[in-house]
Protein backbone atom coordinates (compact mmCIF):
# COMPACT_ATOMS: atom_id res chain seq x y z
CA MET A 1 93.99 72.62 66.46
CA GLY A 2 94.72 69.70 68.78
CA GLU A 3 93.56 67.16 66.20
CA GLN A 4 95.94 68.64 63.63
CA VAL A 5 98.99 68.42 65.91
CA ILE A 6 98.21 65.31 67.97
CA CYS A 7 95.41 62.88 67.19
CA LEU A 8 92.50 62.88 69.63
CA SER A 9 92.88 59.16 70.34
CA CYS A 10 96.51 59.75 71.38
CA LEU A 11 95.40 62.49 73.76
CA TYR A 12 92.62 60.29 75.11
CA GLU A 13 94.96 57.35 75.73
CA MET A 14 97.76 59.42 77.26
CA PRO A 15 98.68 58.07 80.73
CA LEU A 16 97.83 61.19 82.74
CA THR A 17 99.20 61.43 86.28
CA ARG A 18 96.41 63.45 87.97
CA PHE A 19 99.22 64.74 90.22
CA TRP A 20 97.95 68.33 89.92
CA ASP A 21 95.25 67.51 92.48
CA GLN A 22 97.61 65.72 94.90
CA ALA A 23 99.97 67.74 97.10
CA ASP A 24 101.99 64.65 98.08
CA ASN A 25 102.44 63.15 94.63
CA PRO A 26 105.71 61.47 93.50
CA VAL A 27 106.94 64.54 91.59
CA ALA A 28 106.41 66.82 94.59
CA LYS A 29 108.30 64.37 96.81
CA ILE A 30 111.39 64.74 94.60
CA PHE A 31 111.82 68.27 95.96
CA TRP A 32 110.91 67.68 99.61
CA GLY A 33 113.78 68.73 101.87
CA ARG A 34 115.68 70.19 98.91
CA VAL A 35 113.89 73.37 97.89
CA ALA A 36 110.74 74.99 99.31
CA VAL A 37 108.43 74.80 96.31
CA GLU A 38 104.69 75.22 96.85
CA ASN A 39 103.64 72.32 94.63
CA ALA A 40 104.99 70.18 91.82
CA CYS A 41 103.39 67.90 89.26
CA ALA A 42 103.67 66.42 85.77
CA TYR A 43 101.03 65.98 83.09
CA PHE A 44 101.68 62.41 82.00
CA LEU A 45 103.79 59.35 82.82
CA PHE A 46 106.79 58.65 80.62
CA ALA A 47 108.45 55.24 80.51
CA LYS A 48 110.91 53.43 78.28
CA GLY A 49 109.12 51.93 75.33
CA SER A 50 106.25 54.40 75.63
CA LYS A 51 104.64 55.42 72.35
CA TYR A 52 104.87 59.00 73.62
CA ARG A 53 108.69 58.96 73.59
CA PRO A 54 108.80 59.79 69.82
CA LEU A 55 106.39 62.66 70.50
CA LEU A 56 108.77 64.27 72.97
CA HIS A 57 111.74 63.52 70.70
CA LYS A 58 110.02 65.39 67.87
CA LEU A 59 109.36 68.30 70.21
CA LYS A 60 112.91 68.50 71.56
CA TYR A 61 115.03 67.66 68.54
CA LYS A 62 112.97 67.72 65.34
CA GLY A 63 111.57 71.23 65.35
CA HIS A 64 107.98 70.32 66.26
CA TYR A 65 107.36 73.38 68.44
CA ASP A 66 103.62 72.97 67.90
CA ILE A 67 103.62 69.68 69.82
CA GLY A 68 104.90 71.48 72.91
CA VAL A 69 102.33 74.24 72.60
CA GLU A 70 99.40 71.84 72.20
CA LEU A 71 100.44 69.49 75.01
CA GLY A 72 101.12 72.53 77.18
CA ARG A 73 97.65 73.86 76.41
CA GLN A 74 96.07 70.58 77.48
CA PHE A 75 98.17 70.68 80.65
CA GLY A 76 97.13 74.27 81.33
CA LEU A 77 93.45 73.38 81.06
CA VAL A 78 93.72 70.86 83.90
CA LEU A 79 95.94 73.14 85.99
CA LYS A 80 93.26 75.83 85.74
CA LYS A 81 90.87 73.51 87.60
CA SER A 82 93.39 72.73 90.35
CA LYS A 83 93.35 74.62 93.64
CA TYR A 84 97.14 74.45 93.68
CA TYR A 85 97.84 76.11 90.33
CA ALA A 86 94.81 78.24 89.41
CA ASP A 87 96.41 81.41 90.87
CA VAL A 88 99.72 81.23 88.97
CA ASP A 89 100.88 84.72 87.92
CA PHE A 90 103.81 83.82 85.65
CA VAL A 91 104.81 80.68 83.77
CA VAL A 92 108.60 80.51 83.47
CA PRO A 93 110.19 77.98 81.11
CA VAL A 94 113.56 76.50 82.09
CA PRO A 95 115.86 78.69 79.97
CA LEU A 96 118.44 77.49 77.48
CA HIS A 97 121.88 79.05 77.21
CA LYS A 98 122.27 81.33 74.16
CA LYS A 99 124.71 78.85 72.63
CA LYS A 100 122.29 75.93 73.01
CA LEU A 101 119.46 78.10 71.70
CA ARG A 102 121.46 78.87 68.55
CA ILE A 103 122.18 75.18 68.02
CA ARG A 104 118.59 73.99 68.54
CA GLY A 105 116.84 77.07 67.23
CA TYR A 106 114.16 77.13 69.94
CA ASN A 107 113.47 76.26 73.57
CA GLN A 108 111.11 73.29 73.88
CA SER A 109 110.22 74.31 77.44
CA GLN A 110 109.09 77.69 76.17
CA ALA A 111 106.74 75.97 73.72
CA ILE A 112 105.19 74.06 76.63
CA ALA A 113 105.00 77.23 78.73
CA GLU A 114 103.24 79.12 75.94
CA GLY A 115 100.65 76.37 75.72
CA ILE A 116 100.16 76.28 79.48
CA CYS A 117 99.52 80.03 79.44
CA GLN A 118 96.82 79.53 76.82
CA GLY A 119 95.07 76.88 78.88
CA LEU A 120 95.64 78.45 82.28
CA GLY A 121 94.93 82.00 81.17
CA THR A 122 98.06 83.61 82.58
CA ASN A 123 101.32 85.21 81.46
CA ILE A 124 104.65 83.82 80.32
CA SER A 125 107.99 85.26 81.45
CA THR A 126 111.16 84.54 79.51
CA ASN A 127 113.27 87.41 80.86
CA HIS A 128 113.30 86.97 84.65
CA LEU A 129 115.13 83.63 84.81
CA ILE A 130 118.14 83.34 82.51
CA ARG A 131 120.81 80.74 81.89
CA THR A 132 124.31 82.10 82.45
CA GLU A 133 126.39 78.94 81.96
CA PHE A 134 126.60 76.47 79.10
CA THR A 135 126.59 73.14 80.94
CA GLU A 136 127.17 69.57 79.87
CA THR A 137 124.16 67.41 79.07
CA GLN A 138 122.48 65.90 82.15
CA THR A 139 121.99 62.56 80.41
CA ARG A 140 123.71 59.63 82.13
CA LYS A 141 124.70 61.71 85.16
CA THR A 142 123.77 60.73 88.72
CA ARG A 143 121.50 63.07 90.66
CA ALA A 144 124.44 64.46 92.64
CA GLU A 145 126.36 65.08 89.42
CA ARG A 146 123.32 66.76 87.86
CA VAL A 147 122.86 69.08 90.87
CA LYS A 148 126.53 70.09 90.76
CA ASN A 149 126.39 70.55 86.98
CA VAL A 150 123.61 73.18 87.12
CA ALA A 151 124.06 74.64 90.61
CA GLU A 152 125.24 78.04 89.32
CA ALA A 153 123.88 77.87 85.79
CA PHE A 154 120.97 80.30 86.32
CA ALA A 155 120.39 83.88 87.42
CA VAL A 156 117.38 86.10 88.13
CA VAL A 157 116.85 89.50 86.49
CA ASN A 158 114.58 92.23 87.92
CA PRO A 159 113.48 90.14 90.92
CA ASP A 160 111.37 93.00 92.28
CA GLU A 161 108.86 92.30 89.48
CA LEU A 162 108.28 88.86 90.99
CA GLU A 163 107.51 90.01 94.52
CA ASN A 164 104.47 88.24 96.00
CA LYS A 165 103.85 86.41 92.72
CA HIS A 166 103.15 82.71 92.19
CA ILE A 167 105.66 81.40 89.65
CA LEU A 168 105.27 78.11 87.76
CA ILE A 169 108.59 76.79 86.41
CA VAL A 170 108.10 74.53 83.40
CA ASP A 171 110.26 71.84 81.80
CA ASP A 172 109.64 69.01 79.36
CA VAL A 173 110.60 65.99 81.46
CA VAL A 174 111.35 65.63 85.18
CA THR A 175 113.59 62.75 86.27
CA THR A 176 115.85 63.66 89.19
CA GLY A 177 114.56 67.25 89.29
CA ALA A 178 118.08 68.71 89.55
CA THR A 179 117.60 71.42 86.92
CA LEU A 180 114.19 72.45 88.22
CA GLU A 181 115.56 72.51 91.76
CA ALA A 182 118.34 74.88 90.71
CA CYS A 183 115.85 77.18 88.97
CA ALA A 184 113.49 77.21 91.94
CA ALA A 185 116.31 77.93 94.39
CA LYS A 186 117.51 80.91 92.36
CA LEU A 187 114.02 82.40 92.17
CA LEU A 188 113.30 81.87 95.86
CA ASN A 189 116.64 83.35 96.90
CA ALA A 190 116.15 86.41 94.70
CA ALA A 191 112.54 87.33 95.38
CA SER A 192 109.76 86.94 97.94
CA CYS A 193 107.68 84.81 95.65
CA ARG A 194 105.97 81.43 95.65
CA VAL A 195 107.32 78.82 93.27
CA SER A 196 105.65 75.72 91.88
CA ILE A 197 106.89 73.24 89.29
CA GLY A 198 105.17 71.71 86.28
CA ALA A 199 106.73 69.19 83.91
CA LEU A 200 105.08 67.81 80.82
CA ALA A 201 106.22 64.27 81.61
CA TYR A 202 107.43 62.33 84.65
CA ALA A 203 110.07 59.68 84.03
CA SER A 204 110.02 57.46 87.10
CA ASN A 205 112.86 55.06 87.81
């Protein structure tokens, strides 16, 4: 399956972060002092000019849902071996607003989450965290502007079902972490759960 979607040499050469075994990694530090997540990591490093940029572009804008599933599966396999993520109960993709979902036709973060569930051997949830506001794109906004833009964009449904669970919120790329921070804050405020964060790629400044 993996060879059909992404060539094995591409997977082998992918600049993996290994952050899933480091509690104090650069992605985790993004959220320190902002929201009380258990852990946070990304699967691979993402930089301008990277040959993996077209891969993510195909996933997000060109309908290649299968790329997200396969990369998510690879991510899930390493998370399963990590002491920080092996006990995840639910994988929750960052939700899209219904309007954005109609425009794009699918949620790329859900594709990644489905793959992670395959590798990690756990369950996906797409109905506990919902997007209630259609917000402007985060591109070209400062971190403060991004935080303000999504501060009230999410809501939690049936929080009692998340009590005492370990939730992994998933997105495609983490840069400032503003969207993931907003999602984590909503979940933590609504339920007595543990929240961790997993992004497919980390775009460092």
